C-alpha atoms as a PDB file:
ATOM      1  CA  MET A   1       5.734  36.609 -44.500  1.00  0.00           C
ATOM      2  CA  MET A   2       4.672  33.946 -42.311  1.00  0.00           C
ATOM      3  CA  LYS A   3       8.279  32.214 -42.526  1.00  0.00           C
ATOM      4  CA  ARG A   4       9.848  35.550 -41.725  1.00  0.00           C
ATOM      5  CA  LEU A   5       7.907  35.942 -38.634  1.00  0.00           C
ATOM      6  CA  ALA A   6       8.490  32.402 -37.488  1.00  0.00           C
ATOM      7  CA  THR A   7      12.209  33.088 -37.840  1.00  0.00           C
ATOM      8  CA  LEU A   8      12.189  36.538 -36.160  1.00  0.00           C
ATOM      9  CA  THR A   9       9.964  35.588 -33.164  1.00  0.00           C
ATOM     10  CA  PRO A  10      12.566  33.174 -31.432  1.00  0.00           C
ATOM     11  CA  ILE A  11      15.391  35.687 -32.058  1.00  0.00           C
ATOM     12  CA  LEU A  12      13.271  38.448 -30.438  1.00  0.00           C
ATOM     13  CA  ALA A  13      12.637  36.486 -27.487  1.00  0.00           C
ATOM     14  CA  LEU A  14      16.120  35.469 -26.953  1.00  0.00           C
ATOM     15  CA  LEU A  15      17.160  39.151 -27.362  1.00  0.00           C
ATOM     16  CA  SER A  16      14.447  40.248 -24.734  1.00  0.00           C
ATOM     17  CA  ALA A  17      15.755  37.968 -22.385  1.00  0.00           C
ATOM     18  CA  CYS A  18      18.672  39.964 -22.014  1.00  0.00           C
ATOM     19  CA  ALA A  19      16.987  42.982 -21.217  1.00  0.00           C
ATOM     20  CA  ALA A  20      18.159  44.179 -17.626  1.00  0.00           C
ATOM     21  CA  GLN A  21      15.403  45.053 -14.875  1.00  0.00           C
ATOM     22  CA  GLN A  22      15.860  46.464 -11.571  1.00  0.00           C
ATOM     23  CA  ALA A  23      13.628  45.835  -8.401  1.00  0.00           C
ATOM     24  CA  PRO A  24      11.456  49.152  -7.870  1.00  0.00           C
ATOM     25  CA  SER A  25      12.706  49.105  -4.226  1.00  0.00           C
ATOM     26  CA  THR A  26      16.130  49.979  -5.538  1.00  0.00           C
ATOM     27  CA  VAL A  27      15.296  53.127  -7.187  1.00  0.00           C
ATOM     28  CA  ASP A  28      16.120  56.168  -5.369  1.00  0.00           C
ATOM     29  CA  PRO A  29      13.245  58.621  -5.082  1.00  0.00           C
ATOM     30  CA  GLN A  30      15.814  61.335  -6.187  1.00  0.00           C
ATOM     31  CA  ALA A  31      16.793  59.446  -9.042  1.00  0.00           C
ATOM     32  CA  PRO A  32      16.205  61.372 -12.494  1.00  0.00           C
ATOM     33  CA  GLY A  33      12.868  60.913 -14.143  1.00  0.00           C
ATOM     34  CA  PHE A  34      10.801  61.792 -17.308  1.00  0.00           C
ATOM     35  CA  LEU A  35      11.294  65.540 -17.358  1.00  0.00           C
ATOM     36  CA  LEU A  36      15.277  65.275 -16.844  1.00  0.00           C
ATOM     37  CA  GLY A  37      15.402  62.421 -19.393  1.00  0.00           C
ATOM     38  CA  LEU A  38      13.575  64.625 -21.818  1.00  0.00           C
ATOM     39  CA  TRP A  39      16.050  67.326 -21.249  1.00  0.00           C
ATOM     40  CA  HIS A  40      19.290  65.149 -21.357  1.00  0.00           C
ATOM     41  CA  GLY A  41      17.907  63.861 -24.702  1.00  0.00           C
ATOM     42  CA  PHE A  42      17.505  67.260 -26.095  1.00  0.00           C
ATOM     43  CA  ILE A  43      20.936  68.538 -25.001  1.00  0.00           C
ATOM     44  CA  PHE A  44      22.495  65.327 -26.339  1.00  0.00           C
ATOM     45  CA  PRO A  45      24.564  66.672 -29.020  1.00  0.00           C
ATOM     46  CA  VAL A  46      26.145  69.236 -26.613  1.00  0.00           C
ATOM     47  CA  ALA A  47      26.776  66.598 -23.929  1.00  0.00           C
ATOM     48  CA  TRP A  48      28.295  64.168 -26.276  1.00  0.00           C
ATOM     49  CA  VAL A  49      30.803  66.716 -27.466  1.00  0.00           C
ATOM     50  CA  ALA A  50      31.475  67.911 -23.869  1.00  0.00           C
ATOM     51  CA  SER A  51      31.922  64.047 -22.847  1.00  0.00           C
ATOM     52  CA  LEU A  52      34.651  63.733 -25.386  1.00  0.00           C
ATOM     53  CA  VAL A  53      37.089  66.415 -23.576  1.00  0.00           C
ATOM     54  CA  MET A  54      35.655  66.334 -20.069  1.00  0.00           C
ATOM     55  CA  ASN A  55      35.540  62.861 -18.017  1.00  0.00           C
ATOM     56  CA  LYS A  56      32.895  64.351 -15.837  1.00  0.00           C
ATOM     57  CA  VAL A  57      30.321  64.921 -18.299  1.00  0.00           C
ATOM     58  CA  ALA A  58      28.063  61.819 -19.344  1.00  0.00           C
ATOM     59  CA  VAL A  59      25.212  61.564 -21.820  1.00  0.00           C
ATOM     60  CA  TYR A  60      22.894  59.500 -19.894  1.00  0.00           C
ATOM     61  CA  ALA A  61      22.073  59.698 -16.124  1.00  0.00           C
ATOM     62  CA  VAL A  62      22.991  56.902 -14.046  1.00  0.00           C
ATOM     63  CA  PRO A  63      21.213  55.817 -11.863  1.00  0.00           C
ATOM     64  CA  ASN A  64      17.969  56.755 -13.010  1.00  0.00           C
ATOM     65  CA  ASN A  65      14.189  55.768 -12.354  1.00  0.00           C
ATOM     66  CA  GLY A  66      14.271  53.148 -15.321  1.00  0.00           C
ATOM     67  CA  GLY A  67      11.556  53.180 -17.971  1.00  0.00           C
ATOM     68  CA  TRP A  68      10.241  56.689 -17.441  1.00  0.00           C
ATOM     69  CA  TYR A  69      13.804  58.413 -17.772  1.00  0.00           C
ATOM     70  CA  ASP A  70      14.397  56.213 -20.869  1.00  0.00           C
ATOM     71  CA  PHE A  71      11.012  57.454 -22.540  1.00  0.00           C
ATOM     72  CA  GLY A  72      11.872  61.007 -21.766  1.00  0.00           C
ATOM     73  CA  TYR A  73      15.239  60.680 -23.023  1.00  0.00           C
ATOM     74  CA  PHE A  74      14.173  58.993 -26.379  1.00  0.00           C
ATOM     75  CA  LEU A  75      11.635  61.731 -26.984  1.00  0.00           C
ATOM     76  CA  GLY A  76      14.106  64.544 -26.330  1.00  0.00           C
ATOM     77  CA  ILE A  77      16.284  63.213 -29.115  1.00  0.00           C
ATOM     78  CA  VAL A  78      13.845  62.131 -31.504  1.00  0.00           C
ATOM     79  CA  VAL A  79      11.265  64.515 -31.140  1.00  0.00           C
ATOM     80  CA  PHE A  80      12.617  67.638 -29.633  1.00  0.00           C
ATOM     81  CA  GLY A  81      16.178  67.595 -30.329  1.00  0.00           C
ATOM     82  CA  VAL A  82      18.346  66.131 -33.259  1.00  0.00           C
ATOM     83  CA  GLY A  83      15.777  63.682 -34.613  1.00  0.00           C
ATOM     84  CA  ALA A  84      13.191  66.609 -35.242  1.00  0.00           C
ATOM     85  CA  ARG A  85      15.098  68.208 -38.014  1.00  0.00           C
ATOM     86  CA  LYS A  86      13.671  67.728 -41.720  1.00  0.00           C
ATOM     87  CA  SER A  87      16.862  67.886 -43.487  1.00  0.00           C
ATOM     88  CA  ARG A  88      15.539  66.070 -46.533  1.00  0.00           C
ATOM     89  CA  ILE A  89      15.339  68.869 -49.526  1.00  0.00           C
ATOM     90  CA  ILE A  90      13.404  67.771 -52.941  1.00  0.00           C
ATOM     91  CA  TYR A  91      14.285  69.609 -55.917  1.00  0.00           C
ATOM     92  CA  LYS A  92      12.182  69.236 -59.234  1.00  0.00           C
ATOM     93  CA  ASP A  93      14.594  69.915 -62.054  1.00  0.00           C
ATOM     94  CA  ARG A  94      12.340  68.429 -64.454  1.00  0.00           C
ATOM     95  CA  LEU A  95       8.578  67.269 -65.088  1.00  0.00           C
ATOM     96  CA  ILE A  96       7.893  64.383 -67.386  1.00  0.00           C
ATOM     97  CA  ASN A  97       4.529  64.040 -68.924  1.00  0.00           C
ATOM     98  CA  ILE A  98       3.436  60.568 -68.470  1.00  0.00           C
ATOM     99  CA  ARG A  99       0.198  60.840 -70.498  1.00  0.00           C
ATOM    100  CA  ALA A 100       0.471  59.137 -73.781  1.00  0.00           C
ATOM    101  CA  ARG A 101      -2.127  59.640 -76.801  1.00  0.00           C
ATOM    102  CA  ARG A 102      -3.764  56.853 -78.105  1.00  0.00           C
ATOM    103  CA  LEU A 103      -3.849  56.617 -81.764  1.00  0.00           C
ATOM    104  CA  ASN A 104      -6.444  54.469 -83.402  1.00  0.00           C
END
């Protein structure tokens, strides 16, 4: 476990260096925020299909206000949108009796 962690830590540090950041002063006060991110995440499947046939439709608002928009977008997809579906169905078609009798 420690060997994996020692290998994974430098890789994660290098990947985090690639994360883009923007200065707070460059964010427009009217830029889409958390609530619009939530909405855009929720309507993602429709927006994605529409973006395939129409050039003016995008699945992600640019520019946005950064982390809060991303968080809302994530919640919109995972919690309220496509990721919220419970499509796994378990069928019981046979039961196996695991108890064994001990004979002396």
